[in-house]
Amino acid sequence: MSEELSVVVLIDVIPGKREDQINAFKKVEPLVLAEDGCIQYELKADQDNENRFVIIERWASADALAAHAVSEHMVEAGKSNHLFRAKPPEVIKLSDT
């Protein structure tokens, strides 16, 4: 079995579209938290930039994260993200030092 994996997702939204990102997250949050292997899934706002968000994720394994990426609700959410995001998100997979 693989080790727990932490991920940080950096998101920049189009000015004026902040609430769209928040609402999109709220829609998928309970579905993601119910996924096998999801330990943490939180949206945080950048205090210095109202158009920047961070999603903090923890997964039981790399396999759980891979399944999340292709889950029906994430694929569906990805179809409309371009309407409020300024650019594709930056996904950073973290490891212990």
Protein backbone atom coordinates (compact mmCIF):
# COMPACT_ATOMS: atom_id res chain seq x y z
CA MET A 1 0.00 0.00 0.00
CA SER A 2 1.35 3.43 -0.89
CA GLU A 3 1.91 6.28 1.52
CA GLU A 4 -0.35 9.21 2.29
CA LEU A 5 -0.06 12.04 -0.20
CA SER A 6 -0.58 15.79 0.31
CA VAL A 7 -1.45 18.13 -2.53
CA VAL A 8 -1.73 21.90 -2.80
CA VAL A 9 -3.68 23.36 -5.71
CA LEU A 10 -3.12 27.05 -6.55
CA ILE A 11 -6.06 28.71 -8.28
CA ASP A 12 -6.28 32.18 -9.82
CA VAL A 13 -9.75 33.40 -10.75
CA ILE A 14 -10.84 36.08 -13.17
CA PRO A 15 -11.47 39.37 -11.31
CA GLY A 16 -15.11 39.53 -10.31
CA LYS A 17 -15.52 35.73 -10.42
CA ARG A 18 -14.44 34.97 -6.83
CA GLU A 19 -17.88 33.76 -5.73
CA ASP A 20 -18.07 31.40 -8.70
CA GLN A 21 -14.98 29.57 -7.44
CA ILE A 22 -16.36 29.40 -3.90
CA ASN A 23 -19.71 28.06 -5.11
CA ALA A 24 -18.08 25.50 -7.41
CA PHE A 25 -15.99 24.23 -4.52
CA LYS A 26 -18.99 23.99 -2.20
CA LYS A 27 -20.78 21.89 -4.81
CA VAL A 28 -18.03 19.25 -5.10
CA GLU A 29 -16.69 19.37 -1.54
CA PRO A 30 -19.10 16.81 0.00
CA LEU A 31 -18.62 14.49 -2.99
CA VAL A 32 -14.84 14.64 -2.70
CA LEU A 33 -14.86 14.15 1.07
CA ALA A 34 -16.96 11.01 0.52
CA GLU A 35 -14.40 9.51 -1.87
CA ASP A 36 -12.41 6.51 -0.68
CA GLY A 37 -9.05 7.71 0.54
CA CYS A 38 -9.89 11.40 0.96
CA ILE A 39 -8.54 12.63 4.30
CA GLN A 40 -8.71 16.41 3.76
CA TYR A 41 -10.18 18.72 1.12
CA GLU A 42 -10.29 22.43 2.02
CA LEU A 43 -10.53 25.69 0.11
CA LYS A 44 -8.58 28.63 1.53
CA ALA A 45 -8.44 32.22 0.26
CA ASP A 46 -5.26 34.25 -0.12
CA GLN A 47 -5.57 37.15 2.35
CA ASP A 48 -3.49 39.42 0.11
CA ASN A 49 -5.10 38.57 -3.23
CA GLU A 50 -8.88 38.18 -3.45
CA ASN A 51 -8.51 36.41 -6.80
CA ARG A 52 -6.28 33.61 -5.50
CA PHE A 53 -7.28 30.43 -3.71
CA VAL A 54 -5.53 27.34 -2.42
CA ILE A 55 -7.05 23.89 -2.11
CA ILE A 56 -5.34 21.73 0.48
CA GLU A 57 -5.80 18.00 -0.05
CA ARG A 58 -4.63 14.87 1.75
CA TRP A 59 -5.13 11.42 0.29
CA ALA A 60 -4.53 7.97 1.74
CA SER A 61 -2.55 6.97 -1.36
CA ALA A 62 -1.50 8.00 -4.84
CA ASP A 63 -4.11 5.57 -6.16
CA ALA A 64 -6.85 7.42 -4.27
CA LEU A 65 -5.68 10.73 -5.73
CA ALA A 66 -5.60 9.24 -9.23
CA ALA A 67 -9.17 7.96 -8.82
CA HIS A 68 -10.24 11.41 -7.61
CA ALA A 69 -8.85 13.07 -10.72
CA VAL A 70 -11.07 10.97 -12.99
CA SER A 71 -14.15 10.86 -10.76
CA GLU A 72 -17.41 11.83 -12.45
CA HIS A 73 -17.92 14.94 -10.30
CA MET A 74 -14.40 16.25 -10.94
CA VAL A 75 -14.63 15.65 -14.68
CA GLU A 76 -17.99 17.46 -14.72
CA ALA A 77 -16.62 20.36 -12.61
CA GLY A 78 -13.69 20.70 -14.97
CA LYS A 79 -16.04 21.47 -17.85
CA SER A 80 -17.01 24.86 -16.39
CA ASN A 81 -13.89 25.94 -14.48
CA HIS A 82 -12.66 27.95 -17.47
CA LEU A 83 -15.63 30.29 -17.00
CA PHE A 84 -14.17 31.71 -13.78
CA ARG A 85 -10.53 30.66 -13.60
CA ALA A 86 -7.88 32.93 -15.07
CA LYS A 87 -5.62 29.99 -15.97
CA PRO A 88 -5.30 26.27 -15.29
CA PRO A 89 -4.62 25.44 -11.65
CA GLU A 90 -1.10 24.66 -10.47
CA VAL A 91 -1.02 21.29 -8.71
CA ILE A 92 1.84 20.68 -6.29
CA LYS A 93 2.34 17.19 -4.84
CA LEU A 94 4.19 17.39 -1.55
CA SER A 95 6.62 14.96 0.03
CA ASP A 96 8.25 14.78 3.41
CA THR A 97 11.76 16.18 3.55
